[in-house]
C-alpha atoms as a PDB file:
ATOM      1  CA  VAL A   1       0.313  16.169   9.857  1.00  0.00           C
ATOM      2  CA  GLU A   2      -1.394  15.144   6.688  1.00  0.00           C
ATOM      3  CA  TRP A   3       1.629  13.840   4.841  1.00  0.00           C
ATOM      4  CA  TRP A   4      -0.027  13.763   1.447  1.00  0.00           C
ATOM      5  CA  LYS A   5      -0.260  17.572   1.616  1.00  0.00           C
ATOM      6  CA  VAL A   6       3.451  17.682   2.454  1.00  0.00           C
ATOM      7  CA  ILE A   7       4.224  15.408  -0.484  1.00  0.00           C
ATOM      8  CA  GLU A   8       2.097  17.308  -2.994  1.00  0.00           C
ATOM      9  CA  GLY A   9       2.963  20.775  -1.634  1.00  0.00           C
ATOM     10  CA  PRO A  10       3.252  23.650  -1.607  1.00  0.00           C
ATOM     11  CA  ILE A  11       5.109  23.846   1.695  1.00  0.00           C
ATOM     12  CA  ALA A  12       6.497  26.749   3.722  1.00  0.00           C
ATOM     13  CA  ALA A  13       9.908  25.530   4.819  1.00  0.00           C
ATOM     14  CA  GLU A  14      12.032  27.617   7.165  1.00  0.00           C
ATOM     15  CA  ARG A  15      15.679  27.715   6.145  1.00  0.00           C
ATOM     16  CA  ASP A  16      18.738  28.561   8.161  1.00  0.00           C
ATOM     17  CA  PRO A  17      20.785  31.030   6.090  1.00  0.00           C
ATOM     18  CA  ALA A  18      23.884  29.072   7.138  1.00  0.00           C
ATOM     19  CA  ASP A  19      22.548  26.129   5.085  1.00  0.00           C
ATOM     20  CA  ALA A  20      22.119  28.076   1.822  1.00  0.00           C
ATOM     21  CA  ASP A  21      25.251  26.726   0.103  1.00  0.00           C
ATOM     22  CA  PHE A  22      24.563  23.208   1.402  1.00  0.00           C
ATOM     23  CA  LEU A  23      21.007  23.224   0.021  1.00  0.00           C
ATOM     24  CA  ALA A  24      22.205  24.652  -3.297  1.00  0.00           C
ATOM     25  CA  ALA A  25      24.660  21.747  -3.516  1.00  0.00           C
ATOM     26  CA  ALA A  26      21.828  19.361  -2.645  1.00  0.00           C
ATOM     27  CA  ALA A  27      19.681  20.742  -5.479  1.00  0.00           C
ATOM     28  CA  ARG A  28      22.567  20.474  -7.940  1.00  0.00           C
ATOM     29  CA  ILE A  29      23.350  16.898  -6.905  1.00  0.00           C
ATOM     30  CA  ALA A  30      19.669  15.878  -6.870  1.00  0.00           C
ATOM     31  CA  ASP A  31      19.381  17.022 -10.471  1.00  0.00           C
ATOM     32  CA  THR A  32      22.143  14.605 -11.528  1.00  0.00           C
ATOM     33  CA  LEU A  33      20.905  11.509  -9.697  1.00  0.00           C
ATOM     34  CA  PRO A  34      18.858   8.674 -11.127  1.00  0.00           C
ATOM     35  CA  TRP A  35      15.520   8.676  -9.300  1.00  0.00           C
ATOM     36  CA  ASP A  36      14.788   4.990  -9.689  1.00  0.00           C
ATOM     37  CA  GLY A  37      15.762   2.947  -6.678  1.00  0.00           C
ATOM     38  CA  ASP A  38      16.803   4.940  -3.601  1.00  0.00           C
ATOM     39  CA  PRO A  39      17.386   8.634  -4.373  1.00  0.00           C
ATOM     40  CA  TRP A  40      17.511   9.557  -0.656  1.00  0.00           C
ATOM     41  CA  HIS A  41      20.584   7.465   0.092  1.00  0.00           C
ATOM     42  CA  ALA A  42      22.222   8.441  -3.200  1.00  0.00           C
ATOM     43  CA  LEU A  43      21.655  12.126  -2.394  1.00  0.00           C
ATOM     44  CA  THR A  44      22.871  11.938   1.193  1.00  0.00           C
ATOM     45  CA  ALA A  45      25.944   9.875   0.279  1.00  0.00           C
ATOM     46  CA  ALA A  46      26.948  12.333  -2.451  1.00  0.00           C
ATOM     47  CA  LEU A  47      26.350  15.317  -0.163  1.00  0.00           C
ATOM     48  CA  LYS A  48      28.330  13.739   2.656  1.00  0.00           C
ATOM     49  CA  ALA A  49      31.249  13.118   0.291  1.00  0.00           C
ATOM     50  CA  GLU A  50      31.133  16.666  -1.107  1.00  0.00           C
ATOM     51  CA  THR A  51      30.453  18.655   2.071  1.00  0.00           C
ATOM     52  CA  GLY A  52      31.802  16.474   4.868  1.00  0.00           C
ATOM     53  CA  ARG A  53      28.542  16.874   6.769  1.00  0.00           C
ATOM     54  CA  SER A  54      27.106  13.918   8.633  1.00  0.00           C
ATOM     55  CA  GLY A  55      24.363  13.089  11.100  1.00  0.00           C
ATOM     56  CA  LYS A  56      21.932  15.839  12.054  1.00  0.00           C
ATOM     57  CA  ALA A  57      23.914  18.492  10.137  1.00  0.00           C
ATOM     58  CA  LEU A  58      23.399  16.447   6.969  1.00  0.00           C
ATOM     59  CA  PHE A  59      19.852  15.190   7.413  1.00  0.00           C
ATOM     60  CA  LEU A  60      17.921  17.947   9.225  1.00  0.00           C
ATOM     61  CA  PRO A  61      18.390  20.768   6.681  1.00  0.00           C
ATOM     62  CA  LEU A  62      17.320  18.380   3.916  1.00  0.00           C
ATOM     63  CA  ARG A  63      14.242  17.201   5.814  1.00  0.00           C
ATOM     64  CA  ARG A  64      13.256  20.791   6.621  1.00  0.00           C
ATOM     65  CA  ALA A  65      13.703  21.961   3.022  1.00  0.00           C
ATOM     66  CA  LEU A  66      11.847  18.976   1.575  1.00  0.00           C
ATOM     67  CA  THR A  67       8.997  18.627   4.105  1.00  0.00           C
ATOM     68  CA  ALA A  68       8.972  21.769   6.317  1.00  0.00           C
ATOM     69  CA  HIS A  69       9.092  19.426   9.335  1.00  0.00           C
ATOM     70  CA  ASP A  70      11.830  18.278  11.695  1.00  0.00           C
ATOM     71  CA  HIS A  71      10.340  14.806  12.145  1.00  0.00           C
ATOM     72  CA  GLY A  72       8.193  12.435  10.162  1.00  0.00           C
ATOM     73  CA  PRO A  73       8.174   9.345   8.013  1.00  0.00           C
ATOM     74  CA  ASP A  74      11.397   7.896   6.655  1.00  0.00           C
ATOM     75  CA  MET A  75      12.823  10.137   3.944  1.00  0.00           C
ATOM     76  CA  LYS A  76      13.755   7.063   1.916  1.00  0.00           C
ATOM     77  CA  ALA A  77      10.014   6.487   1.467  1.00  0.00           C
ATOM     78  CA  LEU A  78       9.006  10.161   1.159  1.00  0.00           C
ATOM     79  CA  LEU A  79      11.528  11.447  -1.370  1.00  0.00           C
ATOM     80  CA  PRO A  80      10.335   9.293  -4.299  1.00  0.00           C
ATOM     81  CA  LEU A  81       6.762  10.415  -3.537  1.00  0.00           C
ATOM     82  CA  ILE A  82       7.800  14.073  -3.456  1.00  0.00           C
ATOM     83  CA  GLY A  83       9.449  13.459  -6.812  1.00  0.00           C
ATOM     84  CA  ARG A  84      12.447  14.861  -8.603  1.00  0.00           C
ATOM     85  CA  THR A  85      10.930  18.131  -9.846  1.00  0.00           C
ATOM     86  CA  ARG A  86       9.338  19.134  -6.525  1.00  0.00           C
ATOM     87  CA  ALA A  87      12.412  18.057  -4.549  1.00  0.00           C
ATOM     88  CA  ILE A  88      14.802  20.119  -6.664  1.00  0.00           C
ATOM     89  CA  SER A  89      12.435  23.089  -6.495  1.00  0.00           C
ATOM     90  CA  ARG A  90      12.194  22.841  -2.703  1.00  0.00           C
ATOM     91  CA  LEU A  91      15.948  22.496  -2.288  1.00  0.00           C
ATOM     92  CA  SER A  92      16.499  25.497  -4.569  1.00  0.00           C
ATOM     93  CA  ALA A  93      13.900  27.779  -2.939  1.00  0.00           C
END
């Protein structure tokens, strides 16, 4: 995978309809977070607190929506490169 293409987009992410409300919450929360520092851990901590999801149920839908892949580089490193605007757009799609 050429990760720069994933970062810059566009991507074709497959979404589980069961994750629609979760991803909408992720987009809403992402829009309120400061993006300096570590937005990945801030996002996942806020989502965990709001939804009660943890582990794979928390991380995999986010990774799929943001990268269209199940595996890859650490999201802590990728999310700042994807950027706030693209991330919110991908989570909202």
